[in-house]
Amino acid sequence: MAEKKKGGLKELSPITIYKSLPKINCKECGVDNCMAFATKIVNRETELEACKPLLKPENAKAYATLKELLKPAVKEVVVGVGDKAKKLGGKLVMYRHEFTYKNPTAIAIDVTDEMPDNEVVARVQKTDNFSFEYIGNTLKLDMIAVRCTSEDADKFKACVKKVSETTKLPMILVTLNPAIAEAGLMAAPKARPLLYAANAQNWKDMAELAIMYDAPLVASSPNDLNGLFSLTKTLQNYGVKDIVLDPGTFANEGLADTLNNFTMLRRAATKGGEELAGLPLLGIPMVAWMNKGETAEDLIKWREAYIAGMLIVRYADALILHGNDGWSLLPEVVLRQNIYTDPRKPVAVAPGLKVFGTPDENSPVMFTSNFALTYYTVASDIESNKINAYLIVVDAEGSAIDSGVAGRKLTADKIAEAIKASGIEQKVKHRKIISPGKASRISGEIEELSGWKVQVGPRDSSEIPKYIIDKWQP
């Protein structure tokens, strides 16, 4: 199959990749042969660097060829260092359904150098500790934006130092003054923060700092895409390697222009192959706090939150927010998680036997599918009501109960096999299993194949506690 472009993603055959691999089947990459590795590369299931022989000097040309073939439409830029470094960009397609998105939008919370130290520390710690469990995933915030509002280099330097001592999260240093930016960089010279920002007036000095400290740099040209392209090209020619684009974020009447600019940039990168547009995009929803006048603070937080939500689905790779209330942040991280799940794969959990509480030989046994939303809903209802029980999670290929039964993904055969494989027969003395109400149509088959008596349970897991009290008899 010849290489072609569709939706910004180069469609490559495994053969195309295989031609440039060492072809020695060394298995160092974790798969059996080079063709299998090529297939995983095409599906973006592994990184090119997993092939150790390819990294040897004699294979440098082949490595460079493959890197060019696999280059994403939007360049990946790394902010920060260590295990909390954040990757921005790296997008392959404009629309999620064309393949998948990678590198979820980074969310930064701001502090300023005019805040008291205790407030800075409190905001940083609150950002660092933000955590929410959602369908088996832990949702977190990603960065701290340190803003200079004092125009005092020493104050800014002290603030950056305080932040770097409080957290390992990556930083965004926000100032248009190169001298102040340098003071901030001196406080954390090896932290690789994102510098905000270079514009038409200060670009040369900011570029010098980005090169000197090996830091990524934001190119800012609000609501002027031609100016943004010109600035980006100038920075690249000067030697800046990692650039993030700021096309401007505007609230109220300017929101339409904001969304249009973000969309046009991403379309130019993924559909038009425009390399100057093929860079991560930075949105700043905290502009909602500008000129607030007599507006109630909660209303401003709400405006900031909806701007952030719009930008998450309109290609922003990083956002800077001021509001840090749970009610305003939770919708953003949940939305982000849903947008950045892989549409090619069902959201599933590992099948097997799950134990809740301290069950004994007379405790109830239930089964459900391995669709993540189904499993975590059932598990939550069991745990929150402190029920001692066994739950057998059946591999239904990530399907929910009703769709799994209808589509033959959740069958009596699979359920019988799961019961046997779980070892539950050695844990309880009864042979009764509670079936989800939506799987009642296959209860007879389950009994025939497994030898267990099936009790048809409720259709909704919230009714499990009442069902156990009223109807469970071992």
Protein backbone atom coordinates (compact mmCIF):
# COMPACT_ATOMS: atom_id res chain seq x y z
CA MET A 1 0.00 0.00 0.00
CA ALA A 2 1.48 3.31 -1.03
CA GLU A 3 1.95 6.11 1.41
CA LYS A 4 -0.84 8.68 1.30
CA LYS A 5 -2.29 11.42 3.45
CA LYS A 6 -5.76 11.44 4.89
CA GLY A 7 -6.83 13.88 7.54
CA GLY A 8 -3.26 14.88 8.29
CA LEU A 9 -2.19 11.32 9.15
CA LYS A 10 0.32 9.61 6.92
CA GLU A 11 -1.11 6.18 6.24
CA LEU A 12 1.82 3.81 6.07
CA SER A 13 1.92 0.09 5.51
CA PRO A 14 4.06 -2.08 7.80
CA ILE A 15 6.12 -2.94 4.71
CA THR A 16 7.11 0.72 4.28
CA ILE A 17 8.42 0.81 7.86
CA TYR A 18 9.95 -2.67 7.64
CA LYS A 19 12.16 -1.67 4.72
CA SER A 20 14.13 0.71 6.95
CA LEU A 21 14.35 -1.57 10.00
CA PRO A 22 17.49 -3.68 10.73
CA LYS A 23 15.56 -6.90 9.90
CA ILE A 24 17.47 -9.02 12.42
CA ASN A 25 14.50 -10.14 14.56
CA CYS A 26 16.45 -9.54 17.77
CA LYS A 27 13.28 -9.27 19.91
CA GLU A 28 14.82 -6.44 21.98
CA CYS A 29 11.71 -4.37 21.23
CA GLY A 30 9.50 -6.92 22.98
CA VAL A 31 7.89 -8.49 19.89
CA ASP A 32 8.89 -11.57 17.93
CA ASN A 33 10.10 -10.03 14.69
CA CYS A 34 10.70 -6.80 12.81
CA MET A 35 7.47 -7.07 10.82
CA ALA A 36 5.44 -7.26 14.03
CA PHE A 37 7.35 -4.24 15.33
CA ALA A 38 6.61 -2.38 12.08
CA THR A 39 2.91 -3.10 12.53
CA LYS A 40 2.97 -1.69 16.07
CA ILE A 41 4.79 1.40 14.81
CA VAL A 42 2.17 1.99 12.10
CA ASN A 43 -0.57 1.74 14.73
CA ARG A 44 1.38 4.08 17.03
CA GLU A 45 1.41 1.40 19.74
CA THR A 46 5.13 1.77 20.42
CA GLU A 47 7.98 4.22 19.88
CA LEU A 48 10.68 3.94 17.24
CA GLU A 49 13.32 4.14 19.98
CA ALA A 50 12.21 0.71 21.26
CA CYS A 51 14.29 -0.76 18.42
CA LYS A 52 17.76 -0.56 19.98
CA PRO A 53 19.73 -1.66 16.88
CA LEU A 54 18.11 1.19 14.95
CA LEU A 55 19.79 3.67 17.29
CA LYS A 56 23.30 2.50 16.39
CA PRO A 57 25.44 4.90 14.30
CA GLU A 58 25.41 2.63 11.25
CA ASN A 59 21.60 2.89 11.12
CA ALA A 60 21.45 6.67 11.55
CA LYS A 61 20.18 7.27 8.00
CA ALA A 62 17.39 4.70 8.33
CA TYR A 63 16.42 6.16 11.72
CA ALA A 64 16.23 9.67 10.25
CA THR A 65 14.10 8.38 7.36
CA LEU A 66 11.65 6.70 9.72
CA LYS A 67 11.46 9.73 12.02
CA GLU A 68 10.50 11.87 9.03
CA LEU A 69 7.87 9.35 7.90
CA LEU A 70 6.36 9.18 11.38
CA LYS A 71 6.56 12.89 12.16
CA PRO A 72 3.22 14.13 13.53
CA ALA A 73 1.36 17.00 11.93
CA VAL A 74 1.81 18.93 15.19
CA LYS A 75 5.28 18.84 16.68
CA GLU A 76 5.68 17.49 20.19
CA VAL A 77 7.22 19.93 22.68
CA VAL A 78 8.32 18.85 26.16
CA VAL A 79 7.97 21.25 29.09
CA GLY A 80 9.72 20.46 32.36
CA VAL A 81 12.02 17.61 33.30
CA GLY A 82 11.74 14.27 35.05
CA ASP A 83 8.68 12.10 35.44
CA LYS A 84 6.33 15.10 35.65
CA ALA A 85 7.53 16.65 32.39
CA LYS A 86 4.58 17.45 30.15
CA LYS A 87 4.39 16.72 26.43
CA LEU A 88 2.43 19.25 24.39
CA GLY A 89 1.20 18.70 20.85
CA GLY A 90 2.20 15.57 18.98
CA LYS A 91 -1.19 15.43 17.28
CA LEU A 92 -1.55 13.30 14.16
CA VAL A 93 -5.05 14.26 13.04
CA MET A 94 -7.52 17.12 13.22
CA TYR A 95 -10.51 15.01 14.23
CA ARG A 96 -10.37 12.43 16.98
CA HIS A 97 -12.34 9.83 15.03
CA GLU A 98 -9.74 9.83 12.24
CA PHE A 99 -7.25 8.07 14.51
CA THR A 100 -6.83 9.24 18.11
CA TYR A 101 -5.47 12.22 20.02
CA LYS A 102 -2.33 11.97 22.13
CA ASN A 103 -0.87 14.19 24.86
CA PRO A 104 -3.98 15.53 26.64
CA THR A 105 -4.33 19.29 27.06
CA ALA A 106 -2.05 20.46 29.88
CA ILE A 107 -3.86 22.57 32.47
CA ALA A 108 -1.80 25.15 34.38
CA ILE A 109 -2.92 27.15 37.42
CA ASP A 110 -1.38 30.58 37.92
CA VAL A 111 0.39 32.27 40.80
CA THR A 112 1.83 35.80 40.80
CA ASP A 113 4.93 37.33 42.32
CA GLU A 114 2.76 39.77 44.28
CA MET A 115 0.99 37.03 46.20
CA PRO A 116 2.24 36.35 49.75
CA ASP A 117 4.49 33.29 50.00
CA ASN A 118 1.89 31.33 51.95
CA GLU A 119 -0.72 31.95 49.24
CA VAL A 120 1.71 30.90 46.51
CA VAL A 121 2.54 27.70 48.37
CA ALA A 122 -1.14 26.99 49.07
CA ARG A 123 -2.14 27.41 45.41
CA VAL A 124 0.77 25.30 44.21
CA GLN A 125 0.05 22.53 46.70
CA LYS A 126 -3.65 22.57 45.85
CA THR A 127 -2.74 22.19 42.17
CA ASP A 128 -0.24 19.43 42.91
CA ASN A 129 -2.69 17.54 45.11
CA PHE A 130 -5.72 17.86 42.83
CA SER A 131 -6.87 14.33 42.05
CA PHE A 132 -10.11 12.73 40.90
CA GLU A 133 -10.76 9.05 40.19
CA TYR A 134 -12.81 8.66 37.03
CA ILE A 135 -13.53 5.28 35.43
CA GLY A 136 -10.26 3.84 36.65
CA ASN A 137 -8.16 6.86 35.75
CA THR A 138 -6.65 9.42 38.09
CA LEU A 139 -7.27 12.91 36.70
CA LYS A 140 -4.66 15.53 37.63
CA LEU A 141 -3.56 19.07 36.84
CA ASP A 142 -0.27 19.54 35.04
CA MET A 143 1.61 22.83 35.40
CA ILE A 144 2.09 26.06 37.34
CA ALA A 145 2.10 29.41 35.52
CA VAL A 146 4.23 31.94 37.40
CA ARG A 147 3.12 35.43 36.36
CA CYS A 148 5.13 38.59 36.90
CA THR A 149 2.71 41.35 37.90
CA SER A 150 5.20 43.38 39.93
CA GLU A 151 7.65 44.18 37.10
CA ASP A 152 10.34 43.47 39.70
CA ALA A 153 12.99 40.93 38.63
CA ASP A 154 13.97 40.05 42.20
CA LYS A 155 10.38 39.41 43.25
CA PHE A 156 9.79 37.25 40.19
CA LYS A 157 12.99 35.29 40.80
CA ALA A 158 12.00 34.66 44.42
CA CYS A 159 8.53 33.51 43.37
CA VAL A 160 9.91 31.09 40.77
CA LYS A 161 12.33 29.73 43.37
CA LYS A 162 9.51 29.25 45.87
CA VAL A 163 7.41 27.39 43.29
CA SER A 164 10.32 25.16 42.22
CA GLU A 165 10.97 24.27 45.86
CA THR A 166 7.31 23.42 46.44
CA THR A 167 6.55 21.22 43.42
CA LYS A 168 8.10 19.24 40.60
CA LEU A 169 5.32 20.27 38.21
CA PRO A 170 6.55 22.05 35.05
CA MET A 171 6.34 25.84 35.05
CA ILE A 172 5.30 28.53 32.61
CA LEU A 173 7.18 31.78 33.22
CA VAL A 174 4.85 34.60 32.19
CA THR A 175 6.46 37.96 31.41
CA LEU A 176 7.16 39.97 28.27
CA ASN A 177 10.25 41.54 29.84
CA PRO A 178 13.38 39.55 28.84
CA ALA A 179 15.36 40.77 31.85
CA ILE A 180 12.67 39.55 34.24
CA ALA A 181 12.34 36.29 32.29
CA GLU A 182 16.07 35.71 32.71
CA ALA A 183 15.79 36.29 36.45
CA GLY A 184 13.12 33.60 36.57
CA LEU A 185 15.25 31.21 34.53
CA MET A 186 18.20 31.79 36.85
CA ALA A 187 16.03 30.64 39.78
CA ALA A 188 15.41 27.30 38.04
CA PRO A 189 18.09 26.99 35.34
CA LYS A 190 17.56 23.30 34.62
CA ALA A 191 13.79 23.12 35.01
CA ARG A 192 13.05 23.69 31.29
CA PRO A 193 10.02 25.95 31.86
CA LEU A 194 7.88 27.28 29.03
CA LEU A 195 8.75 30.94 28.40
CA TYR A 196 5.82 33.26 27.78
CA ALA A 197 6.27 35.05 25.49
CA ALA A 198 8.10 36.31 22.43
CA ASN A 199 6.35 38.99 20.37
CA ALA A 200 7.27 41.36 17.55
CA GLN A 201 9.08 43.67 19.97
CA ASN A 202 11.07 41.36 22.25
CA TRP A 203 11.57 38.26 20.10
CA LYS A 204 15.35 38.47 19.79
CA ASP A 205 16.07 38.72 23.52
CA MET A 206 13.54 36.02 24.35
CA ALA A 207 15.00 33.78 21.65
CA GLU A 208 18.45 34.22 23.16
CA LEU A 209 17.12 33.10 26.54
CA ALA A 210 15.31 30.10 25.05
CA ILE A 211 18.49 28.96 23.32
CA MET A 212 20.75 29.64 26.31
CA TYR A 213 18.55 27.75 28.79
CA ASP A 214 17.24 25.13 26.35
CA ALA A 215 13.68 26.19 27.14
CA PRO A 216 10.60 26.08 24.89
CA LEU A 217 9.27 29.50 23.90
CA VAL A 218 5.77 30.83 23.21
CA ALA A 219 5.34 32.92 20.07
CA SER A 220 2.50 35.38 20.70
CA SER A 221 0.63 37.40 18.10
CA PRO A 222 -2.97 37.85 19.28
CA ASN A 223 -5.59 37.63 16.53
CA ASP A 224 -2.97 38.00 13.78
CA LEU A 225 -2.17 34.66 12.18
CA ASN A 226 0.04 36.13 9.46
CA GLY A 227 2.03 37.93 12.12
CA LEU A 228 2.20 34.70 14.13
CA PHE A 229 3.60 32.79 11.15
CA SER A 230 6.15 35.51 10.50
CA LEU A 231 7.25 35.56 14.14
CA THR A 232 7.48 31.77 14.28
CA LYS A 233 9.58 31.62 11.13
CA THR A 234 11.90 34.32 12.50
CA LEU A 235 12.34 32.40 15.77
CA GLN A 236 13.05 29.16 13.94
CA ASN A 237 15.61 30.82 11.69
CA TYR A 238 17.26 32.32 14.76
CA GLY A 239 17.70 28.85 16.23
CA VAL A 240 14.80 28.31 18.63
CA LYS A 241 13.93 24.61 18.48
CA ASP A 242 10.76 24.27 20.52
CA ILE A 243 7.98 26.79 19.94
CA VAL A 244 4.40 26.96 21.22
CA LEU A 245 1.87 29.21 19.47
CA ASP A 246 -0.36 31.76 21.19
CA PRO A 247 -2.91 33.06 18.66
CA GLY A 248 -4.66 35.02 21.42
CA THR A 249 -7.57 34.19 23.71
CA PHE A 250 -10.46 36.64 23.95
CA ALA A 251 -13.57 36.54 26.10
CA ASN A 252 -17.08 37.79 25.32
CA GLU A 253 -17.32 39.25 21.79
CA GLY A 254 -13.85 37.99 20.88
CA LEU A 255 -14.57 34.36 21.70
CA ALA A 256 -15.65 33.55 18.13
CA ASP A 257 -12.35 34.89 16.76
CA THR A 258 -10.48 32.84 19.35
CA LEU A 259 -12.13 29.59 18.32
CA ASN A 260 -11.74 30.39 14.62
CA ASN A 261 -8.02 31.09 15.01
CA PHE A 262 -7.36 27.88 16.92
CA THR A 263 -9.35 25.90 14.37
CA MET A 264 -7.66 27.48 11.35
CA LEU A 265 -4.22 26.82 12.80
CA ARG A 266 -4.93 23.16 13.46
CA ARG A 267 -6.58 22.72 10.07
CA ALA A 268 -3.60 24.31 8.35
CA ALA A 269 -1.29 21.88 10.16
CA THR A 270 -3.25 18.66 9.74
CA LYS A 271 -5.05 19.20 6.44
CA GLY A 272 -2.73 21.65 4.69
CA GLY A 273 0.63 20.40 5.92
CA GLU A 274 1.66 23.92 7.00
CA GLU A 275 4.69 23.41 9.24
CA LEU A 276 4.52 26.89 10.76
CA ALA A 277 1.05 25.99 12.06
CA GLY A 278 2.17 22.53 13.13
CA LEU A 279 3.11 23.53 16.66
CA PRO A 280 1.30 23.20 20.02
CA LEU A 281 -1.36 25.81 20.79
CA LEU A 282 -1.62 27.70 24.09
CA GLY A 283 -4.96 29.05 25.30
CA ILE A 284 -5.40 31.47 28.21
CA PRO A 285 -8.98 31.23 29.54
CA MET A 286 -7.98 33.38 32.52
CA VAL A 287 -8.58 36.40 30.26
CA ALA A 288 -12.11 36.09 31.70
CA TRP A 289 -10.71 37.85 34.78
CA MET A 290 -9.69 40.96 32.82
CA ASN A 291 -11.87 44.04 33.23
CA LYS A 292 -14.14 42.18 35.64
CA GLY A 293 -15.63 45.35 37.12
CA GLU A 294 -18.52 44.54 39.43
CA THR A 295 -19.04 41.04 38.05
CA ALA A 296 -19.50 38.36 40.72
CA GLU A 297 -16.45 36.16 41.16
CA ASP A 298 -18.36 32.90 40.65
CA LEU A 299 -19.65 34.19 37.32
CA ILE A 300 -16.10 34.97 36.21
CA LYS A 301 -15.00 31.46 37.21
CA TRP A 302 -17.88 30.05 35.20
CA ARG A 303 -16.86 32.11 32.15
CA GLU A 304 -13.27 30.96 32.51
CA ALA A 305 -14.45 27.36 32.77
CA TYR A 306 -16.58 27.44 29.63
CA ILE A 307 -13.80 29.13 27.65
CA ALA A 308 -11.45 26.37 28.82
CA GLY A 309 -13.94 23.70 27.80
CA MET A 310 -14.34 25.24 24.36
CA LEU A 311 -10.58 25.37 23.86
CA ILE A 312 -10.07 21.77 24.99
CA VAL A 313 -12.31 20.63 22.14
CA ARG A 314 -10.87 23.23 19.78
CA TYR A 315 -7.31 21.95 19.74
CA ALA A 316 -5.63 23.76 22.66
CA ASP A 317 -2.58 21.80 23.83
CA ALA A 318 -2.13 23.84 27.02
CA LEU A 319 -4.30 26.20 29.07
CA ILE A 320 -3.59 28.76 31.80
CA LEU A 321 -6.36 29.17 34.38
CA HIS A 322 -6.74 31.30 37.50
CA GLY A 323 -9.77 29.73 39.16
CA ASN A 324 -8.87 26.60 41.11
CA ASP A 325 -12.19 25.55 42.64
CA GLY A 326 -13.14 21.92 42.29
CA TRP A 327 -16.51 22.74 40.72
CA SER A 328 -14.84 24.66 37.88
CA LEU A 329 -11.90 22.30 37.32
CA LEU A 330 -13.72 18.98 37.50
CA PRO A 331 -15.70 19.48 34.26
CA GLU A 332 -12.47 20.39 32.45
CA VAL A 333 -10.51 17.30 33.46
CA VAL A 334 -13.46 14.97 32.81
CA LEU A 335 -14.07 16.54 29.39
CA ARG A 336 -10.37 16.26 28.61
CA GLN A 337 -10.31 12.60 29.63
CA ASN A 338 -13.27 11.79 27.40
CA ILE A 339 -11.82 13.62 24.40
CA TYR A 340 -8.42 11.97 24.75
CA THR A 341 -9.51 8.36 25.16
CA ASP A 342 -8.64 6.20 22.15
CA PRO A 343 -11.80 5.75 20.03
CA ARG A 344 -10.26 2.63 18.44
CA LYS A 345 -10.33 0.77 21.73
CA PRO A 346 -13.23 0.22 24.12
CA VAL A 347 -12.62 1.53 27.61
CA ALA A 348 -12.24 -1.76 29.43
CA VAL A 349 -10.89 -3.19 32.68
CA ALA A 350 -9.03 -6.44 33.16
CA PRO A 351 -11.33 -9.45 33.52
CA GLY A 352 -11.11 -11.69 36.58
CA LEU A 353 -12.37 -12.10 40.12
CA LYS A 354 -12.78 -8.95 42.22
CA VAL A 355 -13.19 -9.14 45.98
CA PHE A 356 -15.15 -6.53 47.93
CA GLY A 357 -14.95 -6.27 51.71
CA THR A 358 -14.32 -9.52 53.59
CA PRO A 359 -16.53 -12.13 51.92
CA ASP A 360 -16.84 -15.67 53.28
CA GLU A 361 -18.06 -18.98 51.89
CA ASN A 362 -21.69 -17.81 52.05
CA SER A 363 -21.20 -14.40 50.44
CA PRO A 364 -22.97 -13.48 47.20
CA VAL A 365 -21.27 -13.97 43.84
CA MET A 366 -22.14 -11.67 40.93
CA PHE A 367 -20.89 -11.13 37.41
CA THR A 368 -20.66 -8.12 35.11
CA SER A 369 -18.95 -7.13 31.87
CA ASN A 370 -15.51 -5.54 31.61
CA PHE A 371 -16.80 -2.28 30.11
CA ALA A 372 -15.10 0.26 32.36
CA LEU A 373 -18.14 2.44 33.01
CA THR A 374 -20.26 -0.61 33.86
CA TYR A 375 -17.62 -2.11 36.13
CA TYR A 376 -16.83 1.05 38.08
CA THR A 377 -20.52 1.85 38.53
CA VAL A 378 -21.20 -1.64 39.90
CA ALA A 379 -18.04 -1.59 42.03
CA SER A 380 -18.94 1.81 43.47
CA ASP A 381 -22.44 0.65 44.42
CA ILE A 382 -21.03 -2.45 46.13
CA GLU A 383 -18.25 -0.59 47.97
CA SER A 384 -20.33 2.38 49.08
CA ASN A 385 -22.87 0.06 50.68
CA LYS A 386 -20.15 -2.03 52.36
CA ILE A 387 -21.33 -5.29 50.82
CA ASN A 388 -19.04 -8.31 51.26
CA ALA A 389 -19.17 -10.01 47.87
CA TYR A 390 -17.34 -11.55 44.94
CA LEU A 391 -17.68 -10.01 41.49
CA ILE A 392 -16.60 -11.91 38.38
CA VAL A 393 -15.65 -9.53 35.57
CA VAL A 394 -16.23 -11.24 32.22
CA ASP A 395 -14.27 -10.31 29.10
CA ALA A 396 -16.98 -8.83 26.89
CA GLU A 397 -14.47 -6.98 24.68
CA GLY A 398 -15.34 -3.75 26.46
CA SER A 399 -19.08 -3.98 25.81
CA ALA A 400 -21.81 -3.02 28.27
CA ILE A 401 -24.25 -5.69 29.47
CA ASP A 402 -27.15 -5.07 27.08
CA SER A 403 -25.04 -4.39 23.98
CA GLY A 404 -22.70 -7.26 24.88
CA VAL A 405 -25.56 -9.75 25.07
CA ALA A 406 -27.15 -8.42 21.87
CA GLY A 407 -23.85 -8.41 19.98
CA ARG A 408 -22.73 -11.83 21.26
CA LYS A 409 -19.76 -10.28 23.05
CA LEU A 410 -21.14 -11.36 26.43
CA THR A 411 -22.22 -14.98 26.01
CA ALA A 412 -23.10 -17.87 28.28
CA ASP A 413 -19.94 -19.66 27.09
CA LYS A 414 -17.72 -16.75 28.17
CA ILE A 415 -19.49 -16.41 31.50
CA ALA A 416 -19.17 -20.14 32.23
CA GLU A 417 -15.47 -20.01 31.34
CA ALA A 418 -14.99 -16.94 33.56
CA ILE A 419 -16.66 -18.69 36.50
CA LYS A 420 -14.36 -21.68 36.10
CA ALA A 421 -11.20 -19.61 35.58
CA SER A 422 -11.92 -17.35 38.56
CA GLY A 423 -11.45 -20.11 41.15
CA ILE A 424 -14.63 -19.00 42.88
CA GLU A 425 -15.68 -22.63 43.42
CA GLN A 426 -12.89 -22.96 46.00
CA LYS A 427 -14.01 -19.81 47.84
CA VAL A 428 -17.74 -20.42 48.39
CA LYS A 429 -19.73 -23.50 49.30
CA HIS A 430 -22.88 -22.51 47.40
CA ARG A 431 -23.32 -22.55 43.61
CA LYS A 432 -25.46 -19.48 43.06
CA ILE A 433 -24.54 -16.46 40.96
CA ILE A 434 -26.41 -13.18 40.54
CA SER A 435 -26.82 -12.07 36.94
CA PRO A 436 -27.40 -8.46 35.83
CA GLY A 437 -31.05 -7.98 34.97
CA LYS A 438 -30.17 -7.04 31.39
CA ALA A 439 -28.54 -10.45 30.88
CA SER A 440 -31.60 -12.42 32.01
CA ARG A 441 -32.20 -13.86 28.51
CA ILE A 442 -29.06 -16.00 28.73
CA SER A 443 -29.53 -17.15 32.34
CA GLY A 444 -30.74 -20.60 31.27
CA GLU A 445 -27.71 -21.16 29.05
CA ILE A 446 -25.39 -20.07 31.86
CA GLU A 447 -26.96 -22.65 34.21
CA GLU A 448 -26.58 -25.43 31.62
CA LEU A 449 -22.95 -24.64 30.83
CA SER A 450 -21.67 -23.73 34.29
CA GLY A 451 -23.73 -25.88 36.62
CA TRP A 452 -24.45 -22.81 38.75
CA LYS A 453 -27.95 -21.61 39.60
CA VAL A 454 -28.50 -18.14 38.17
CA GLN A 455 -30.50 -15.58 40.14
CA VAL A 456 -31.56 -12.71 37.92
CA GLY A 457 -30.62 -9.52 39.71
CA PRO A 458 -31.66 -5.89 39.25
CA ARG A 459 -31.31 -4.02 35.98
CA ASP A 460 -29.62 -1.12 37.76
CA SER A 461 -26.64 -1.66 40.07
CA SER A 462 -27.95 0.95 42.52
CA GLU A 463 -30.57 -1.65 43.50
CA ILE A 464 -27.97 -4.30 44.41
CA PRO A 465 -27.98 -3.54 48.18
CA LYS A 466 -31.76 -3.92 48.45
CA TYR A 467 -31.65 -7.06 46.30
CA ILE A 468 -29.01 -8.66 48.54
CA ILE A 469 -31.04 -7.90 51.68
CA ASP A 470 -34.37 -9.08 50.25
CA LYS A 471 -33.47 -12.01 48.02
CA TRP A 472 -29.99 -13.39 48.60
CA GLN A 473 -29.95 -16.81 50.26
CA PRO A 474 -26.77 -18.90 49.89
